[in-house]
Amino acid sequence: MPPKLTENRLHPAWDAAGADHVVGLAWSPNGRFVAVAAVSGPVTVFEAKSGQPVASLAGHAFGTMALAWKPTGELLATAGQDGKVRIWDATLWQERAALDGGAAWVEKLAFSPDGMWLATSAGKKARIWDSAGGMVREFADHKSTISDLAWRGSQLSVASYGGVKLYDVATGETRLNFEWKGAPLAIAWSPNGAMLAHGNQDATIHFWYAAKPATPLQMSGYATKVRELSWDATSRYLACGGSPAVCVWDCGGKGPEGSKPTLLKGHDEPISAVAWQRRGFLVASGCSQGRVNLWQPANKKGPHVGAVSIATPVTAIAWSPDDKSLAVGGADGAVRMLSVR
């Protein structure tokens, strides 16, 4: 049974139909648009206030796998199963460049925080591009398929079987090597860059301190493999999936070692998406049952402060830049916009 709502701060704003199963969605930096990628390939850009489509991009043959806005907002990058990285002009909504990812599928991409570089991964290859589409660096092939990418300032983290490597993009040198005999699936740096977390194939989470790279912490006991990770803005709390409960670790003080996480129980199926507000204290979660929950973990009256059913498995959620709206993507291709009051 879902927990008692202390209040309901989630309210439907609009629904829109996408092409099919949503594999990713992203807000433009100014909050004006939401770009939505469908598993079959098309990318639709919606006006965030009204839900009206403003652009329909061809995306990628055989399917789109990832998308990201340049932090300065003028470009949208997509990656797909045609082996290409495509750069789209976010004013004219036209393709500006098509880049060779280096393998049949380009699975991940991420802009650096300053927007200077775009990192991509395809198979065992990780590449760095400038905003004009020029390749500035290709790292040596990893021993296995790259599972995730994450920036730490101007340094790039690359995850594959055997651990996570942190590279200096300017020189190509390895700055830190977090070695582990297992398969990390998703990685996330705390906003202050002090701690790296990765969720794993073996239903565990590892925490690494950048200052102590040889001393990882392992958290086990999850029901499923862990792909969902989200830090709060203060770098103190990490919310994660891996079960029907949102698991929140307190990494302040001595860190998570020896502590028990807070479990936010409000889903009957495993968590499929989780996201902290960009600057606030609310965390949103979605599951394959089609339920979206809103949590305020520190609320003394009760942490459960919002709930909406979208009647289809939740595949992606993302907060608006001002933290006042939550975009939700579903397995049926629909996009739901929720306002937070």
Protein backbone atom coordinates (compact mmCIF):
# COMPACT_ATOMS: atom_id res chain seq x y z
CA MET A 1 0.00 0.00 0.00
CA PRO A 2 1.38 3.47 -0.89
CA PRO A 3 2.40 5.60 2.08
CA LYS A 4 0.15 8.32 3.40
CA LEU A 5 0.44 11.60 1.52
CA THR A 6 1.13 14.53 3.82
CA GLU A 7 0.18 16.75 0.86
CA ASN A 8 0.09 16.39 -2.91
CA ARG A 9 2.45 18.85 -4.57
CA LEU A 10 2.39 17.11 -7.99
CA HIS A 11 -0.18 18.37 -10.48
CA PRO A 12 -0.67 17.41 -14.16
CA ALA A 13 0.10 20.28 -16.55
CA TRP A 14 -0.11 18.67 -20.00
CA ASP A 15 0.23 15.39 -21.90
CA ALA A 16 1.70 14.96 -25.37
CA ALA A 17 2.13 11.97 -27.65
CA GLY A 18 5.61 10.95 -28.72
CA ALA A 19 6.63 8.46 -31.40
CA ASP A 20 7.04 5.47 -29.07
CA HIS A 21 8.95 4.27 -25.99
CA VAL A 22 10.84 7.24 -24.50
CA VAL A 23 14.53 6.43 -24.04
CA GLY A 24 15.57 9.90 -22.92
CA LEU A 25 14.38 13.42 -22.32
CA ALA A 26 16.25 16.62 -21.57
CA TRP A 27 15.39 20.24 -20.81
CA SER A 28 17.01 23.07 -22.70
CA PRO A 29 19.19 25.16 -20.35
CA ASN A 30 16.78 28.10 -20.50
CA GLY A 31 13.82 25.86 -19.62
CA ARG A 32 11.93 26.70 -22.79
CA PHE A 33 12.04 23.29 -24.49
CA VAL A 34 11.99 19.59 -23.66
CA ALA A 35 13.64 17.25 -26.16
CA VAL A 36 12.35 13.67 -26.18
CA ALA A 37 14.04 10.70 -27.87
CA ALA A 38 12.05 7.67 -29.00
CA VAL A 39 13.55 4.21 -29.14
CA SER A 40 12.68 3.92 -32.85
CA GLY A 41 14.76 7.01 -33.67
CA PRO A 42 12.74 10.25 -33.91
CA VAL A 43 13.44 13.15 -31.55
CA THR A 44 10.58 15.54 -30.77
CA VAL A 45 11.11 18.95 -29.18
CA PHE A 46 8.18 20.30 -27.16
CA GLU A 47 7.47 23.81 -25.93
CA ALA A 48 7.69 23.33 -22.16
CA LYS A 49 4.81 25.61 -21.16
CA SER A 50 2.21 24.43 -23.66
CA GLY A 51 3.31 20.97 -24.69
CA GLN A 52 3.13 21.93 -28.36
CA PRO A 53 5.73 20.28 -30.61
CA VAL A 54 8.10 22.82 -32.14
CA ALA A 55 10.44 20.47 -34.00
CA SER A 56 10.54 16.89 -35.21
CA LEU A 57 14.08 15.65 -35.86
CA ALA A 58 14.82 12.47 -37.80
CA GLY A 59 17.17 11.27 -35.09
CA HIS A 60 18.90 8.00 -35.92
CA ALA A 61 18.17 5.06 -38.16
CA PHE A 62 17.56 1.88 -36.16
CA GLY A 63 17.03 3.92 -32.97
CA THR A 64 18.21 6.81 -30.82
CA MET A 65 20.00 5.92 -27.59
CA ALA A 66 20.89 9.21 -25.87
CA LEU A 67 20.55 12.98 -26.11
CA ALA A 68 21.99 16.04 -24.36
CA TRP A 69 21.82 19.83 -24.65
CA LYS A 70 24.96 21.90 -24.80
CA PRO A 71 24.99 23.88 -21.52
CA THR A 72 24.92 27.16 -23.43
CA GLY A 73 21.74 26.01 -25.17
CA GLU A 74 22.39 26.53 -28.88
CA LEU A 75 23.01 22.87 -29.73
CA LEU A 76 21.34 19.51 -29.11
CA ALA A 77 23.38 16.31 -29.48
CA THR A 78 21.95 12.85 -30.09
CA ALA A 79 23.49 9.38 -30.40
CA GLY A 80 22.12 6.23 -31.95
CA GLN A 81 22.27 2.78 -33.43
CA ASP A 82 23.46 4.06 -36.80
CA GLY A 83 26.92 4.62 -35.32
CA LYS A 84 26.53 8.39 -35.51
CA VAL A 85 26.55 11.37 -33.19
CA ARG A 86 24.35 14.10 -34.62
CA ILE A 87 24.59 17.77 -33.69
CA TRP A 88 21.42 19.81 -34.19
CA ASP A 89 21.04 23.58 -34.40
CA ALA A 90 18.54 24.50 -31.67
CA THR A 91 17.42 27.67 -33.47
CA LEU A 92 16.82 26.40 -37.01
CA TRP A 93 16.23 22.78 -35.89
CA GLN A 94 18.52 21.49 -38.60
CA GLU A 95 21.34 18.98 -38.49
CA ARG A 96 24.68 20.76 -38.24
CA ALA A 97 27.04 17.76 -38.19
CA ALA A 98 27.09 13.97 -38.23
CA LEU A 99 30.06 12.45 -36.43
CA ASP A 100 31.45 8.91 -36.62
CA GLY A 101 31.11 7.40 -33.15
CA GLY A 102 33.64 4.61 -33.83
CA ALA A 103 31.37 1.56 -33.58
CA ALA A 104 27.98 0.33 -34.74
CA TRP A 105 26.12 1.83 -31.76
CA VAL A 106 26.81 5.09 -29.97
CA GLU A 107 25.30 4.52 -26.54
CA LYS A 108 26.34 7.47 -24.36
CA LEU A 109 27.15 11.15 -24.72
CA ALA A 110 27.71 14.01 -22.30
CA PHE A 111 28.72 17.66 -22.63
CA SER A 112 31.33 19.02 -20.25
CA PRO A 113 29.89 21.50 -17.70
CA ASP A 114 31.36 24.47 -19.59
CA GLY A 115 30.07 23.20 -22.94
CA MET A 116 33.54 23.15 -24.48
CA TRP A 117 33.67 19.39 -25.06
CA LEU A 118 31.30 16.58 -26.00
CA ALA A 119 32.20 13.07 -24.84
CA THR A 120 30.80 10.02 -26.63
CA SER A 121 31.13 6.26 -26.23
CA ALA A 122 30.61 3.53 -28.78
CA GLY A 123 31.59 -0.02 -27.97
CA LYS A 124 35.05 0.17 -26.38
CA LYS A 125 35.82 3.64 -27.75
CA ALA A 126 35.52 6.98 -25.95
CA ARG A 127 36.01 10.15 -27.97
CA ILE A 128 36.07 13.89 -27.26
CA TRP A 129 34.71 16.43 -29.74
CA ASP A 130 34.64 20.20 -29.88
CA SER A 131 31.36 22.05 -30.46
CA ALA A 132 32.12 22.40 -34.17
CA GLY A 133 32.22 18.61 -34.53
CA GLY A 134 35.99 18.18 -34.65
CA MET A 135 37.42 15.17 -32.83
CA VAL A 136 40.07 16.38 -30.40
CA ARG A 137 40.88 13.12 -28.63
CA GLU A 138 40.31 9.37 -28.83
CA PHE A 139 41.27 7.32 -25.80
CA ALA A 140 42.81 3.87 -26.08
CA ASP A 141 40.18 1.14 -26.42
CA HIS A 142 38.82 -0.09 -23.13
CA LYS A 143 38.89 -3.81 -22.38
CA SER A 144 35.12 -4.10 -22.64
CA THR A 145 32.09 -2.10 -23.76
CA ILE A 146 31.79 1.29 -22.09
CA SER A 147 28.69 1.43 -19.92
CA ASP A 148 28.62 5.10 -18.86
CA LEU A 149 30.31 8.51 -19.01
CA ALA A 150 30.37 11.31 -16.44
CA TRP A 151 32.25 14.60 -16.21
CA ARG A 152 34.08 15.85 -13.14
CA GLY A 153 34.80 19.42 -14.13
CA SER A 154 37.16 19.17 -17.11
CA GLN A 155 37.96 15.51 -16.40
CA LEU A 156 36.03 12.61 -17.91
CA SER A 157 35.08 9.37 -16.14
CA VAL A 158 34.58 6.25 -18.23
CA ALA A 159 33.03 3.07 -16.83
CA SER A 160 33.46 -0.43 -18.21
CA TYR A 161 33.96 -3.92 -16.80
CA GLY A 162 36.81 -3.69 -14.31
CA GLY A 163 36.04 -0.26 -12.89
CA VAL A 164 36.08 3.43 -13.74
CA LYS A 165 38.90 5.55 -15.19
CA LEU A 166 39.17 9.31 -14.75
CA TYR A 167 40.97 11.03 -17.64
CA ASP A 168 42.54 14.42 -18.07
CA VAL A 169 41.01 15.52 -21.37
CA ALA A 170 43.77 18.00 -22.19
CA THR A 171 46.55 15.41 -22.00
CA GLY A 172 44.69 12.10 -22.33
CA GLU A 173 46.39 10.83 -19.18
CA THR A 174 44.63 8.70 -16.57
CA ARG A 175 44.28 10.73 -13.36
CA LEU A 176 42.52 8.12 -11.22
CA ASN A 177 41.80 4.44 -11.78
CA PHE A 178 39.02 2.99 -9.64
CA GLU A 179 39.70 -0.70 -10.15
CA TRP A 180 37.02 -3.25 -9.29
CA LYS A 181 36.37 -6.76 -10.59
CA GLY A 182 32.81 -6.23 -11.69
CA ALA A 183 30.52 -4.40 -14.10
CA PRO A 184 29.49 -0.83 -13.25
CA LEU A 185 26.33 0.19 -15.10
CA ALA A 186 25.87 3.83 -14.11
CA ILE A 187 28.23 6.40 -12.58
CA ALA A 188 27.62 9.73 -10.85
CA TRP A 189 29.99 12.24 -9.23
CA SER A 190 28.86 14.25 -6.26
CA PRO A 191 28.50 17.91 -7.33
CA ASN A 192 31.57 18.88 -5.28
CA GLY A 193 33.65 16.23 -7.05
CA ALA A 194 34.69 14.52 -3.83
CA MET A 195 32.90 11.20 -4.23
CA LEU A 196 32.09 8.87 -7.12
CA ALA A 197 29.21 6.40 -6.95
CA HIS A 198 28.46 3.61 -9.36
CA GLY A 199 25.57 1.17 -9.51
CA ASN A 200 26.46 -2.33 -10.59
CA GLN A 201 25.35 -5.45 -12.39
CA ASP A 202 25.69 -7.50 -9.19
CA ALA A 203 23.06 -5.43 -7.33
CA THR A 204 25.55 -3.33 -5.35
CA ILE A 205 26.66 0.29 -5.17
CA HIS A 206 30.27 1.38 -4.75
CA PHE A 207 31.39 4.71 -3.31
CA TRP A 208 34.91 6.03 -3.94
CA TYR A 209 36.57 9.07 -2.41
CA ALA A 210 38.68 10.96 -4.94
CA ALA A 211 41.21 11.61 -2.17
CA LYS A 212 41.35 7.88 -1.30
CA PRO A 213 40.97 6.06 -4.63
CA ALA A 214 42.21 2.74 -3.24
CA THR A 215 39.52 2.49 -0.55
CA PRO A 216 36.05 1.82 -1.99
CA LEU A 217 32.89 1.30 0.04
CA GLN A 218 30.44 -1.39 -1.09
CA MET A 219 26.73 -1.27 -0.33
CA SER A 220 24.89 -4.51 -1.10
CA GLY A 221 21.45 -6.03 -0.57
CA TYR A 222 19.62 -4.52 -3.53
CA ALA A 223 16.91 -6.55 -5.23
CA THR A 224 18.05 -5.83 -8.78
CA LYS A 225 21.00 -4.35 -10.65
CA VAL A 226 21.36 -0.62 -9.95
CA ARG A 227 21.10 1.83 -12.85
CA GLU A 228 19.43 4.81 -11.14
CA LEU A 229 21.63 7.31 -9.26
CA SER A 230 21.06 10.96 -8.36
CA TRP A 231 22.96 13.27 -6.01
CA ASP A 232 21.39 16.22 -4.26
CA ALA A 233 22.87 19.68 -4.81
CA THR A 234 24.73 19.69 -1.49
CA SER A 235 26.67 16.47 -2.29
CA ARG A 236 25.43 14.98 0.99
CA TYR A 237 22.70 12.63 -0.22
CA LEU A 238 22.60 10.00 -2.97
CA ALA A 239 19.25 8.58 -4.06
CA CYS A 240 19.25 5.30 -5.96
CA GLY A 241 17.07 2.53 -7.33
CA GLY A 242 17.67 -1.20 -7.28
CA SER A 243 14.39 -2.06 -5.52
CA PRO A 244 10.80 -0.80 -5.20
CA ALA A 245 12.03 1.64 -2.52
CA VAL A 246 14.08 4.77 -3.16
CA CYS A 247 17.26 4.26 -1.17
CA VAL A 248 18.84 7.47 0.17
CA TRP A 249 22.39 7.35 1.52
CA ASP A 250 23.73 10.09 3.80
CA CYS A 251 27.30 10.77 2.68
CA GLY A 252 27.92 13.62 5.08
CA GLY A 253 30.31 13.46 8.03
CA LYS A 254 31.98 10.07 8.05
CA GLY A 255 30.03 9.13 4.93
CA PRO A 256 27.79 6.16 4.25
CA GLU A 257 30.09 3.52 5.78
CA GLY A 258 28.46 1.77 8.69
CA SER A 259 25.18 3.66 8.32
CA LYS A 260 21.71 2.59 7.28
CA PRO A 261 20.02 4.31 4.33
CA THR A 262 16.61 5.93 4.43
CA LEU A 263 14.11 3.85 2.45
CA LEU A 264 11.27 5.75 0.77
CA LYS A 265 8.57 3.15 0.17
CA GLY A 266 5.88 4.09 -2.31
CA HIS A 267 6.26 1.83 -5.35
CA ASP A 268 5.15 -1.76 -5.90
CA GLU A 269 7.63 -2.33 -8.74
CA PRO A 270 11.36 -1.58 -9.00
CA ILE A 271 12.41 2.04 -9.42
CA SER A 272 13.03 2.93 -13.09
CA ALA A 273 14.00 6.60 -12.65
CA VAL A 274 15.06 8.88 -9.80
CA ALA A 275 16.08 12.55 -9.73
CA TRP A 276 16.81 15.17 -7.08
CA GLN A 277 15.86 18.74 -7.79
CA ARG A 278 18.77 20.67 -9.27
CA ARG A 279 19.00 22.97 -6.26
CA GLY A 280 16.13 22.00 -3.96
CA PHE A 281 15.35 19.32 -1.40
CA LEU A 282 12.75 17.27 -3.30
CA VAL A 283 13.43 13.96 -5.04
CA ALA A 284 11.18 12.39 -7.67
CA SER A 285 10.93 8.71 -8.50
CA GLY A 286 9.14 6.61 -11.09
CA CYS A 287 8.59 2.88 -11.54
CA SER A 288 7.53 0.34 -14.14
CA GLN A 289 4.03 0.32 -12.65
CA GLY A 290 3.48 3.87 -13.92
CA ARG A 291 3.58 5.72 -10.63
CA VAL A 292 5.49 8.95 -10.03
CA ASN A 293 6.20 9.87 -6.42
CA LEU A 294 7.57 13.07 -4.93
CA TRP A 295 9.56 12.95 -1.70
CA GLN A 296 10.87 15.42 0.85
CA PRO A 297 13.04 13.12 2.97
CA ALA A 298 13.57 15.65 5.79
CA ASN A 299 9.87 16.52 6.15
CA LYS A 300 8.93 15.85 9.79
CA LYS A 301 5.26 15.36 8.85
CA GLY A 302 6.20 12.59 6.45
CA PRO A 303 8.43 12.32 3.39
CA HIS A 304 5.75 11.49 0.80
CA VAL A 305 4.56 14.82 -0.61
CA GLY A 306 3.25 13.99 -4.08
CA ALA A 307 1.96 11.22 -6.34
CA VAL A 308 0.63 10.88 -9.89
CA SER A 309 -0.21 7.80 -11.94
CA ILE A 310 0.64 8.02 -15.64
CA ALA A 311 -0.82 4.59 -16.57
CA THR A 312 2.33 3.38 -18.35
CA PRO A 313 5.79 2.34 -17.16
CA VAL A 314 7.97 5.37 -16.34
CA THR A 315 11.14 5.36 -18.46
CA ALA A 316 12.63 8.82 -17.76
CA ILE A 317 12.16 11.85 -15.51
CA ALA A 318 13.87 15.25 -15.51
CA TRP A 319 13.52 18.45 -13.50
CA SER A 320 13.18 21.83 -15.18
CA PRO A 321 16.05 24.28 -14.66
CA ASP A 322 13.94 26.25 -12.15
CA ASP A 323 12.88 23.07 -10.27
CA LYS A 324 9.19 23.95 -10.68
CA SER A 325 8.24 21.30 -13.25
CA LEU A 326 8.93 17.61 -13.79
CA ALA A 327 8.92 16.04 -17.25
CA VAL A 328 8.08 12.33 -17.36
CA GLY A 329 8.54 9.93 -20.27
CA GLY A 330 6.65 6.67 -20.63
CA ALA A 331 6.89 3.32 -22.35
CA ASP A 332 3.89 4.23 -24.52
CA GLY A 333 5.74 7.24 -25.97
CA ALA A 334 3.75 9.83 -24.07
CA VAL A 335 5.33 12.78 -22.29
CA ARG A 336 3.67 14.12 -19.16
CA MET A 337 4.47 17.48 -17.67
CA LEU A 338 3.87 17.84 -13.95
CA SER A 339 3.96 21.10 -12.02
CA VAL A 340 5.26 21.21 -8.46
CA ARG A 341 3.49 23.57 -6.06
